[in-house]
N, C-alpha and C. Protein backbone atom coordinates (compact mmCIF):
# COMPACT_ATOMS: atom_id res chain seq x y z
N GLY A 1 0.81 -1.19 0.00
CA GLY A 1 0.00 0.00 0.00
C GLY A 1 0.85 1.26 0.00
N ALA A 2 1.93 1.25 0.78
CA ALA A 2 2.81 2.42 0.85
C ALA A 2 3.48 2.69 -0.49
N ILE A 3 3.86 1.61 -1.18
CA ILE A 3 4.50 1.79 -2.49
C ILE A 3 3.50 2.35 -3.49
N TYR A 4 2.28 1.83 -3.49
CA TYR A 4 1.27 2.38 -4.39
C TYR A 4 0.96 3.84 -4.07
N ALA A 5 0.94 4.20 -2.79
CA ALA A 5 0.72 5.60 -2.41
C ALA A 5 1.86 6.47 -2.95
N PHE A 6 3.09 5.99 -2.84
CA PHE A 6 4.23 6.74 -3.38
C PHE A 6 4.10 6.90 -4.89
N ILE A 7 3.80 5.80 -5.59
CA ILE A 7 3.66 5.86 -7.05
C ILE A 7 2.55 6.84 -7.43
N HIS A 8 1.45 6.81 -6.71
CA HIS A 8 0.36 7.72 -7.01
C HIS A 8 0.80 9.18 -6.81
N ALA A 9 1.51 9.43 -5.73
CA ALA A 9 1.99 10.80 -5.47
C ALA A 9 3.01 11.25 -6.52
N GLN A 10 3.70 10.29 -7.12
CA GLN A 10 4.73 10.60 -8.12
C GLN A 10 4.29 10.17 -9.53
N ARG A 11 2.98 10.12 -9.76
CA ARG A 11 2.47 9.56 -11.01
C ARG A 11 2.98 10.27 -12.26
N HIS A 12 3.44 11.49 -12.12
CA HIS A 12 4.01 12.21 -13.26
C HIS A 12 5.38 11.65 -13.65
N ARG A 13 5.98 10.82 -12.77
CA ARG A 13 7.29 10.24 -13.11
C ARG A 13 7.47 8.78 -12.71
N ALA A 14 6.42 8.13 -12.18
CA ALA A 14 6.53 6.73 -11.77
C ALA A 14 5.22 6.00 -12.04
N VAL A 15 5.36 4.72 -12.44
CA VAL A 15 4.19 3.88 -12.70
C VAL A 15 4.49 2.46 -12.23
N PRO A 16 3.44 1.70 -11.84
CA PRO A 16 3.68 0.28 -11.57
C PRO A 16 3.97 -0.43 -12.89
N ALA A 17 4.92 -1.33 -12.89
CA ALA A 17 5.29 -2.08 -14.10
C ALA A 17 4.96 -3.55 -13.85
N LEU A 18 3.75 -3.94 -14.21
CA LEU A 18 3.26 -5.28 -13.90
C LEU A 18 3.37 -6.24 -15.08
N SER A 19 3.91 -5.76 -16.20
CA SER A 19 4.08 -6.60 -17.38
C SER A 19 5.22 -6.03 -18.23
N VAL A 20 5.66 -6.81 -19.19
CA VAL A 20 6.69 -6.33 -20.11
C VAL A 20 6.17 -5.11 -20.85
N ARG A 21 4.92 -5.17 -21.28
CA ARG A 21 4.32 -4.02 -21.98
C ARG A 21 4.38 -2.76 -21.11
N ALA A 22 4.04 -2.90 -19.82
CA ALA A 22 4.06 -1.75 -18.91
C ALA A 22 5.48 -1.21 -18.72
N ILE A 23 6.47 -2.10 -18.70
CA ILE A 23 7.86 -1.66 -18.59
C ILE A 23 8.24 -0.83 -19.83
N ARG A 24 7.87 -1.33 -21.00
CA ARG A 24 8.17 -0.61 -22.25
C ARG A 24 7.45 0.73 -22.30
N GLU A 25 6.19 0.75 -21.89
CA GLU A 25 5.43 2.01 -21.88
C GLU A 25 6.03 3.01 -20.91
N ALA A 26 6.46 2.55 -19.76
CA ALA A 26 7.10 3.45 -18.79
C ALA A 26 8.36 4.07 -19.40
N ARG A 27 9.12 3.26 -20.07
CA ARG A 27 10.35 3.76 -20.70
C ARG A 27 10.02 4.80 -21.78
N GLN A 28 9.01 4.51 -22.60
CA GLN A 28 8.60 5.47 -23.64
C GLN A 28 8.14 6.79 -23.03
N GLN A 29 7.49 6.71 -21.88
CA GLN A 29 6.99 7.90 -21.20
C GLN A 29 8.06 8.57 -20.33
N LYS A 30 9.26 7.97 -20.34
CA LYS A 30 10.38 8.46 -19.51
C LYS A 30 10.01 8.50 -18.02
N LYS A 31 9.30 7.43 -17.60
CA LYS A 31 8.92 7.29 -16.19
C LYS A 31 9.63 6.08 -15.60
N ALA A 32 9.78 6.10 -14.29
CA ALA A 32 10.32 4.94 -13.57
C ALA A 32 9.22 3.90 -13.46
N GLY A 33 9.54 2.67 -13.85
CA GLY A 33 8.60 1.57 -13.71
C GLY A 33 8.95 0.74 -12.49
N PHE A 34 8.01 0.60 -11.56
CA PHE A 34 8.25 -0.17 -10.34
C PHE A 34 7.83 -1.61 -10.56
N ILE A 35 8.76 -2.53 -10.35
CA ILE A 35 8.48 -3.96 -10.41
C ILE A 35 8.49 -4.46 -8.97
N PHE A 36 7.38 -5.02 -8.53
CA PHE A 36 7.24 -5.44 -7.15
C PHE A 36 7.84 -6.83 -6.94
N GLY A 37 8.65 -6.96 -5.88
CA GLY A 37 9.25 -8.24 -5.57
C GLY A 37 9.49 -8.42 -4.08
N VAL A 38 9.59 -9.67 -3.68
CA VAL A 38 9.98 -10.01 -2.30
C VAL A 38 11.16 -10.96 -2.38
N GLN A 39 12.03 -10.88 -1.39
CA GLN A 39 13.25 -11.68 -1.39
C GLN A 39 13.07 -13.04 -0.72
N HIS A 40 11.92 -13.29 -0.14
CA HIS A 40 11.68 -14.53 0.60
C HIS A 40 10.21 -14.87 0.53
N ALA A 41 9.86 -16.03 1.01
CA ALA A 41 8.47 -16.48 1.00
C ALA A 41 7.86 -16.42 2.40
N ASN A 42 8.42 -15.64 3.29
CA ASN A 42 7.92 -15.60 4.66
C ASN A 42 6.50 -15.07 4.75
N LEU A 43 6.08 -14.26 3.76
CA LEU A 43 4.69 -13.79 3.75
C LEU A 43 3.73 -14.97 3.63
N LEU A 44 4.11 -15.95 2.80
CA LEU A 44 3.27 -17.14 2.65
C LEU A 44 3.40 -18.06 3.85
N GLU A 45 4.61 -18.17 4.39
CA GLU A 45 4.83 -19.03 5.55
C GLU A 45 3.98 -18.57 6.73
N ALA A 46 3.80 -17.26 6.87
CA ALA A 46 3.00 -16.72 7.97
C ALA A 46 1.54 -17.10 7.85
N MET A 47 1.11 -17.48 6.64
CA MET A 47 -0.29 -17.86 6.43
C MET A 47 -0.57 -19.32 6.77
N VAL A 48 0.47 -20.07 7.08
CA VAL A 48 0.31 -21.50 7.31
C VAL A 48 -0.60 -21.70 8.52
N PRO A 49 -1.67 -22.48 8.34
CA PRO A 49 -2.59 -22.73 9.46
C PRO A 49 -1.94 -23.61 10.52
N LYS A 50 -2.56 -23.66 11.69
CA LYS A 50 -2.02 -24.46 12.79
C LYS A 50 -1.91 -25.94 12.41
N SER A 51 -2.86 -26.43 11.65
CA SER A 51 -2.75 -27.80 11.16
C SER A 51 -2.36 -27.73 9.69
N VAL A 52 -1.78 -28.81 9.18
CA VAL A 52 -1.36 -28.79 7.79
C VAL A 52 -2.52 -28.97 6.82
N LEU A 53 -3.71 -29.26 7.33
CA LEU A 53 -4.89 -29.35 6.46
C LEU A 53 -5.12 -27.97 5.86
N GLY A 54 -5.21 -27.91 4.58
CA GLY A 54 -5.44 -26.63 3.91
C GLY A 54 -4.18 -25.82 3.68
N LEU A 55 -3.02 -26.39 3.99
CA LEU A 55 -1.75 -25.67 3.85
C LEU A 55 -1.58 -25.08 2.46
N TYR A 56 -1.66 -25.93 1.44
CA TYR A 56 -1.41 -25.46 0.07
C TYR A 56 -2.53 -24.56 -0.43
N THR A 57 -3.77 -24.83 -0.05
CA THR A 57 -4.88 -23.98 -0.45
C THR A 57 -4.69 -22.58 0.12
N THR A 58 -4.29 -22.50 1.37
CA THR A 58 -4.06 -21.21 2.02
C THR A 58 -2.92 -20.46 1.34
N MET A 59 -1.82 -21.14 1.07
CA MET A 59 -0.69 -20.48 0.41
C MET A 59 -1.02 -20.11 -1.02
N GLU A 60 -1.76 -20.96 -1.71
CA GLU A 60 -2.17 -20.68 -3.10
C GLU A 60 -2.96 -19.38 -3.16
N SER A 61 -3.94 -19.24 -2.29
CA SER A 61 -4.75 -18.03 -2.31
C SER A 61 -3.92 -16.82 -1.89
N GLY A 62 -3.00 -17.02 -0.95
CA GLY A 62 -2.12 -15.92 -0.54
C GLY A 62 -1.24 -15.45 -1.67
N LEU A 63 -0.60 -16.39 -2.38
CA LEU A 63 0.26 -16.02 -3.50
C LEU A 63 -0.56 -15.33 -4.59
N GLN A 64 -1.74 -15.84 -4.87
CA GLN A 64 -2.60 -15.21 -5.88
C GLN A 64 -2.97 -13.79 -5.48
N ASN A 65 -3.28 -13.58 -4.21
CA ASN A 65 -3.62 -12.24 -3.74
C ASN A 65 -2.44 -11.29 -3.92
N TYR A 66 -1.24 -11.72 -3.55
CA TYR A 66 -0.06 -10.87 -3.74
C TYR A 66 0.20 -10.61 -5.22
N TYR A 67 -0.03 -11.62 -6.06
CA TYR A 67 0.13 -11.43 -7.50
C TYR A 67 -0.84 -10.35 -7.99
N GLU A 68 -2.08 -10.42 -7.56
CA GLU A 68 -3.08 -9.44 -7.99
C GLU A 68 -2.76 -8.04 -7.49
N LEU A 69 -2.02 -7.95 -6.38
CA LEU A 69 -1.57 -6.64 -5.89
C LEU A 69 -0.35 -6.12 -6.67
N GLY A 70 0.24 -7.00 -7.49
CA GLY A 70 1.35 -6.55 -8.33
C GLY A 70 2.65 -7.29 -8.15
N LEU A 71 2.72 -8.24 -7.25
CA LEU A 71 3.97 -8.96 -7.02
C LEU A 71 4.38 -9.72 -8.28
N ARG A 72 5.63 -9.50 -8.73
CA ARG A 72 6.09 -10.15 -9.95
C ARG A 72 7.44 -10.87 -9.80
N ILE A 73 8.18 -10.59 -8.74
CA ILE A 73 9.46 -11.27 -8.49
C ILE A 73 9.37 -11.88 -7.10
N HIS A 74 9.75 -13.17 -6.99
CA HIS A 74 9.57 -13.87 -5.71
C HIS A 74 10.80 -14.71 -5.39
N GLY A 75 11.34 -14.55 -4.19
CA GLY A 75 12.43 -15.38 -3.69
C GLY A 75 11.89 -16.51 -2.83
N ILE A 76 12.81 -17.28 -2.28
CA ILE A 76 12.42 -18.44 -1.47
C ILE A 76 12.75 -18.22 0.01
N CYS A 77 14.00 -17.88 0.31
CA CYS A 77 14.44 -17.73 1.70
C CYS A 77 15.23 -16.43 1.84
N TYR A 78 15.24 -15.91 3.04
CA TYR A 78 16.06 -14.74 3.34
C TYR A 78 17.05 -15.14 4.44
N ASN A 79 18.19 -15.65 4.03
CA ASN A 79 19.32 -16.01 4.90
C ASN A 79 19.12 -17.25 5.76
N VAL A 80 17.94 -17.43 6.33
CA VAL A 80 17.70 -18.58 7.20
C VAL A 80 16.65 -19.50 6.59
N ASN A 81 16.57 -20.70 7.09
CA ASN A 81 15.61 -21.69 6.60
C ASN A 81 14.18 -21.26 6.88
N ASN A 82 13.29 -21.71 6.02
CA ASN A 82 11.86 -21.60 6.27
C ASN A 82 11.22 -22.90 5.77
N ILE A 83 9.92 -22.96 5.69
CA ILE A 83 9.28 -24.22 5.29
C ILE A 83 9.54 -24.56 3.83
N PHE A 84 10.11 -23.64 3.06
CA PHE A 84 10.34 -23.86 1.64
C PHE A 84 11.74 -24.37 1.32
N GLY A 85 12.70 -24.09 2.17
CA GLY A 85 14.06 -24.54 1.90
C GLY A 85 15.07 -23.88 2.81
N GLY A 86 16.33 -23.94 2.36
CA GLY A 86 17.43 -23.43 3.16
C GLY A 86 17.87 -22.05 2.74
N GLY A 87 18.21 -21.26 3.73
CA GLY A 87 18.78 -19.94 3.48
C GLY A 87 20.29 -20.05 3.30
N CYS A 88 20.91 -18.95 2.96
CA CYS A 88 22.35 -18.95 2.69
C CYS A 88 23.19 -19.34 3.90
N LEU A 89 22.64 -19.23 5.09
CA LEU A 89 23.40 -19.62 6.29
C LEU A 89 23.39 -21.13 6.49
N ASP A 90 22.55 -21.84 5.75
CA ASP A 90 22.51 -23.30 5.75
C ASP A 90 22.49 -23.79 4.30
N PRO A 91 23.60 -23.66 3.59
CA PRO A 91 23.62 -23.90 2.14
C PRO A 91 23.33 -25.32 1.70
N ALA A 92 23.43 -26.30 2.58
CA ALA A 92 23.22 -27.70 2.18
C ALA A 92 21.76 -28.14 2.29
N VAL A 93 20.89 -27.31 2.86
CA VAL A 93 19.48 -27.67 3.04
C VAL A 93 18.79 -27.66 1.68
N PRO A 94 18.08 -28.74 1.34
CA PRO A 94 17.41 -28.81 0.03
C PRO A 94 16.09 -28.06 0.00
N LEU A 95 15.56 -27.91 -1.19
CA LEU A 95 14.22 -27.40 -1.38
C LEU A 95 13.25 -28.43 -0.79
N THR A 96 12.28 -28.00 -0.03
CA THR A 96 11.33 -28.91 0.60
C THR A 96 10.15 -29.19 -0.34
N ARG A 97 9.25 -30.03 0.11
CA ARG A 97 8.04 -30.29 -0.68
C ARG A 97 7.24 -29.00 -0.85
N ALA A 98 7.14 -28.23 0.22
CA ALA A 98 6.45 -26.93 0.11
C ALA A 98 7.23 -26.01 -0.84
N GLY A 99 8.54 -26.11 -0.83
CA GLY A 99 9.36 -25.31 -1.74
C GLY A 99 9.13 -25.69 -3.19
N ARG A 100 8.99 -26.98 -3.46
CA ARG A 100 8.70 -27.42 -4.82
C ARG A 100 7.34 -26.88 -5.28
N TRP A 101 6.37 -26.91 -4.36
CA TRP A 101 5.07 -26.31 -4.67
C TRP A 101 5.24 -24.83 -4.99
N LEU A 102 6.04 -24.11 -4.19
CA LEU A 102 6.23 -22.67 -4.38
C LEU A 102 6.84 -22.37 -5.75
N VAL A 103 7.88 -23.10 -6.12
CA VAL A 103 8.51 -22.88 -7.42
C VAL A 103 7.50 -23.10 -8.55
N GLU A 104 6.73 -24.17 -8.46
CA GLU A 104 5.70 -24.44 -9.48
C GLU A 104 4.66 -23.33 -9.51
N ALA A 105 4.23 -22.85 -8.35
CA ALA A 105 3.20 -21.81 -8.28
C ALA A 105 3.72 -20.49 -8.85
N ILE A 106 4.98 -20.18 -8.60
CA ILE A 106 5.59 -18.97 -9.16
C ILE A 106 5.65 -19.07 -10.67
N HIS A 107 6.12 -20.21 -11.17
CA HIS A 107 6.20 -20.39 -12.62
C HIS A 107 4.82 -20.37 -13.27
N LYS A 108 3.85 -20.97 -12.62
CA LYS A 108 2.48 -21.02 -13.16
C LYS A 108 1.94 -19.62 -13.40
N ARG A 109 2.29 -18.68 -12.54
CA ARG A 109 1.81 -17.30 -12.66
C ARG A 109 2.74 -16.45 -13.55
N ARG A 110 3.78 -17.08 -14.07
CA ARG A 110 4.75 -16.38 -14.92
C ARG A 110 5.43 -15.24 -14.16
N MET A 111 5.61 -15.47 -12.85
CA MET A 111 6.39 -14.56 -12.04
C MET A 111 7.86 -14.93 -12.22
N LEU A 112 8.74 -14.04 -11.83
CA LEU A 112 10.17 -14.28 -11.94
C LEU A 112 10.68 -14.85 -10.62
N LEU A 113 11.30 -16.03 -10.67
CA LEU A 113 11.87 -16.66 -9.49
C LEU A 113 13.27 -16.10 -9.27
N ASP A 114 13.54 -15.67 -8.03
CA ASP A 114 14.82 -15.08 -7.65
C ASP A 114 15.52 -16.03 -6.67
N VAL A 115 16.68 -16.59 -7.08
CA VAL A 115 17.43 -17.52 -6.24
C VAL A 115 18.85 -17.01 -6.05
N GLY A 116 19.62 -17.74 -5.27
CA GLY A 116 20.99 -17.32 -4.99
C GLY A 116 20.99 -16.22 -3.94
N GLY A 117 22.15 -15.76 -3.59
CA GLY A 117 22.22 -14.67 -2.61
C GLY A 117 21.68 -15.10 -1.26
N HIS A 118 20.47 -14.71 -0.95
CA HIS A 118 19.86 -15.03 0.34
C HIS A 118 19.44 -16.49 0.44
N THR A 119 19.20 -17.14 -0.69
CA THR A 119 18.76 -18.53 -0.70
C THR A 119 19.98 -19.44 -0.73
N GLY A 120 19.93 -20.53 0.02
CA GLY A 120 21.05 -21.46 0.09
C GLY A 120 21.36 -22.12 -1.24
N GLU A 121 22.60 -22.60 -1.37
CA GLU A 121 23.04 -23.19 -2.63
C GLU A 121 22.18 -24.39 -3.03
N GLN A 122 21.96 -25.34 -2.14
CA GLN A 122 21.21 -26.54 -2.53
C GLN A 122 19.76 -26.22 -2.85
N THR A 123 19.14 -25.36 -2.06
CA THR A 123 17.76 -24.96 -2.36
C THR A 123 17.71 -24.28 -3.73
N SER A 124 18.67 -23.41 -4.01
CA SER A 124 18.73 -22.74 -5.31
C SER A 124 18.89 -23.74 -6.44
N LEU A 125 19.84 -24.68 -6.27
CA LEU A 125 20.08 -25.68 -7.32
C LEU A 125 18.84 -26.56 -7.55
N ASP A 126 18.16 -26.93 -6.47
CA ASP A 126 16.94 -27.74 -6.60
C ASP A 126 15.86 -26.96 -7.36
N ALA A 127 15.68 -25.69 -7.03
CA ALA A 127 14.69 -24.85 -7.70
C ALA A 127 15.05 -24.67 -9.17
N LEU A 128 16.33 -24.50 -9.45
CA LEU A 128 16.78 -24.33 -10.83
C LEU A 128 16.58 -25.61 -11.64
N ALA A 129 16.76 -26.76 -11.01
CA ALA A 129 16.55 -28.04 -11.70
C ALA A 129 15.10 -28.19 -12.13
N MET A 130 14.18 -27.58 -11.39
CA MET A 130 12.75 -27.62 -11.73
C MET A 130 12.37 -26.59 -12.77
N SER A 131 13.28 -25.72 -13.11
CA SER A 131 12.95 -24.54 -13.92
C SER A 131 13.42 -24.63 -15.36
N SER A 132 13.55 -25.83 -15.86
CA SER A 132 13.99 -26.02 -17.24
C SER A 132 13.09 -25.25 -18.19
N GLY A 133 13.69 -24.41 -19.01
CA GLY A 133 12.92 -23.63 -19.98
C GLY A 133 12.27 -22.38 -19.42
N VAL A 134 12.45 -22.13 -18.12
CA VAL A 134 11.88 -20.94 -17.49
C VAL A 134 13.04 -20.10 -16.94
N PRO A 135 13.26 -18.90 -17.45
CA PRO A 135 14.37 -18.08 -16.95
C PRO A 135 14.22 -17.76 -15.46
N VAL A 136 15.31 -17.90 -14.73
CA VAL A 136 15.38 -17.61 -13.30
C VAL A 136 16.50 -16.59 -13.12
N VAL A 137 16.38 -15.75 -12.10
CA VAL A 137 17.38 -14.70 -11.87
C VAL A 137 17.94 -14.76 -10.45
N CYS A 138 19.06 -14.09 -10.28
CA CYS A 138 19.58 -13.74 -8.96
C CYS A 138 19.74 -12.23 -9.01
N THR A 139 18.84 -11.51 -8.36
CA THR A 139 18.80 -10.06 -8.53
C THR A 139 19.94 -9.31 -7.85
N HIS A 140 20.49 -9.87 -6.79
CA HIS A 140 21.60 -9.17 -6.14
C HIS A 140 22.37 -10.16 -5.27
N THR A 141 23.68 -10.10 -5.37
CA THR A 141 24.54 -11.01 -4.63
C THR A 141 25.99 -10.58 -4.81
N ASN A 142 26.88 -11.34 -4.24
CA ASN A 142 28.31 -11.26 -4.52
C ASN A 142 28.72 -12.58 -5.15
N VAL A 143 29.88 -12.61 -5.75
CA VAL A 143 30.40 -13.82 -6.39
C VAL A 143 31.30 -14.53 -5.38
N ALA A 144 30.92 -15.75 -5.01
CA ALA A 144 31.65 -16.49 -3.98
C ALA A 144 33.12 -16.69 -4.35
N ALA A 145 33.42 -16.89 -5.63
CA ALA A 145 34.82 -17.10 -6.05
C ALA A 145 35.67 -15.86 -5.80
N LEU A 146 35.06 -14.70 -5.76
CA LEU A 146 35.79 -13.45 -5.52
C LEU A 146 35.66 -12.94 -4.10
N ASN A 147 34.56 -13.24 -3.46
CA ASN A 147 34.28 -12.72 -2.13
C ASN A 147 33.56 -13.80 -1.31
N PRO A 148 34.31 -14.80 -0.83
CA PRO A 148 33.65 -15.92 -0.14
C PRO A 148 33.01 -15.50 1.19
N ASN A 149 31.71 -15.52 1.21
CA ASN A 149 30.95 -15.29 2.44
C ASN A 149 29.59 -15.97 2.26
N PRO A 150 28.85 -16.19 3.31
CA PRO A 150 27.59 -16.95 3.19
C PRO A 150 26.59 -16.36 2.21
N ARG A 151 26.59 -15.04 2.01
CA ARG A 151 25.63 -14.40 1.13
C ARG A 151 26.05 -14.42 -0.34
N ALA A 152 27.25 -14.86 -0.61
CA ALA A 152 27.75 -14.88 -1.98
C ALA A 152 27.24 -16.12 -2.71
N THR A 153 27.12 -16.01 -4.03
CA THR A 153 26.58 -17.09 -4.85
C THR A 153 27.71 -17.83 -5.55
N THR A 154 27.57 -19.16 -5.60
CA THR A 154 28.62 -20.00 -6.18
C THR A 154 28.50 -20.04 -7.71
N ASP A 155 29.61 -20.41 -8.34
CA ASP A 155 29.61 -20.58 -9.79
C ASP A 155 28.60 -21.64 -10.22
N ARG A 156 28.43 -22.69 -9.40
CA ARG A 156 27.45 -23.73 -9.73
C ARG A 156 26.05 -23.15 -9.89
N VAL A 157 25.67 -22.25 -8.99
CA VAL A 157 24.35 -21.63 -9.07
C VAL A 157 24.28 -20.68 -10.28
N PHE A 158 25.33 -19.89 -10.49
CA PHE A 158 25.34 -18.98 -11.65
C PHE A 158 25.21 -19.76 -12.95
N GLU A 159 25.93 -20.86 -13.06
CA GLU A 159 25.87 -21.67 -14.29
C GLU A 159 24.48 -22.28 -14.48
N ALA A 160 23.86 -22.71 -13.39
CA ALA A 160 22.50 -23.27 -13.48
C ALA A 160 21.49 -22.18 -13.86
N ILE A 161 21.67 -20.98 -13.33
CA ILE A 161 20.80 -19.86 -13.72
C ILE A 161 20.94 -19.60 -15.20
N ALA A 162 22.18 -19.57 -15.70
CA ALA A 162 22.42 -19.32 -17.13
C ALA A 162 21.76 -20.40 -17.99
N ARG A 163 21.76 -21.64 -17.52
CA ARG A 163 21.13 -22.71 -18.29
C ARG A 163 19.62 -22.53 -18.42
N THR A 164 18.99 -21.77 -17.50
CA THR A 164 17.56 -21.50 -17.62
C THR A 164 17.29 -20.37 -18.60
N GLY A 165 18.35 -19.66 -18.99
CA GLY A 165 18.17 -18.47 -19.82
C GLY A 165 18.05 -17.21 -18.99
N GLY A 166 18.24 -17.35 -17.68
CA GLY A 166 18.14 -16.22 -16.77
C GLY A 166 19.48 -15.53 -16.57
N VAL A 167 19.50 -14.58 -15.67
CA VAL A 167 20.72 -13.82 -15.37
C VAL A 167 20.90 -13.68 -13.86
């Protein structure tokens, strides 16, 4: 809501960019196009009911609601593990069953999946293995070969991203 209020106040120079067409139109109008994204799936994790009955239905409707509000880029984890997989502080943790559902749901909506960086290496590699033919990105990170730290992305993940056609 705050971002939409800002865009509205700056409508003479900013617009929401919810599609490729909208990005192109913003550029033609010499306006900033805002692409909405989250770096983790904790918004969906917070919707998980006390019992696992209805887990995927609840998350499905939550993701759809965020999509309808404009969300177009979605990550999996922010540094630490969640129900979807491992964060960069636990790089060996794989993508979970809920994580596999999340990757499929993101692709189904033609949203952009953001891996690497905050997401652990194994979770990223598992998500990338499911993304054949669907470009995946890592929007911000460091290169582990040049700056080894938990938040840096490995060459293995970069190469797998490139194989999807992503960047």
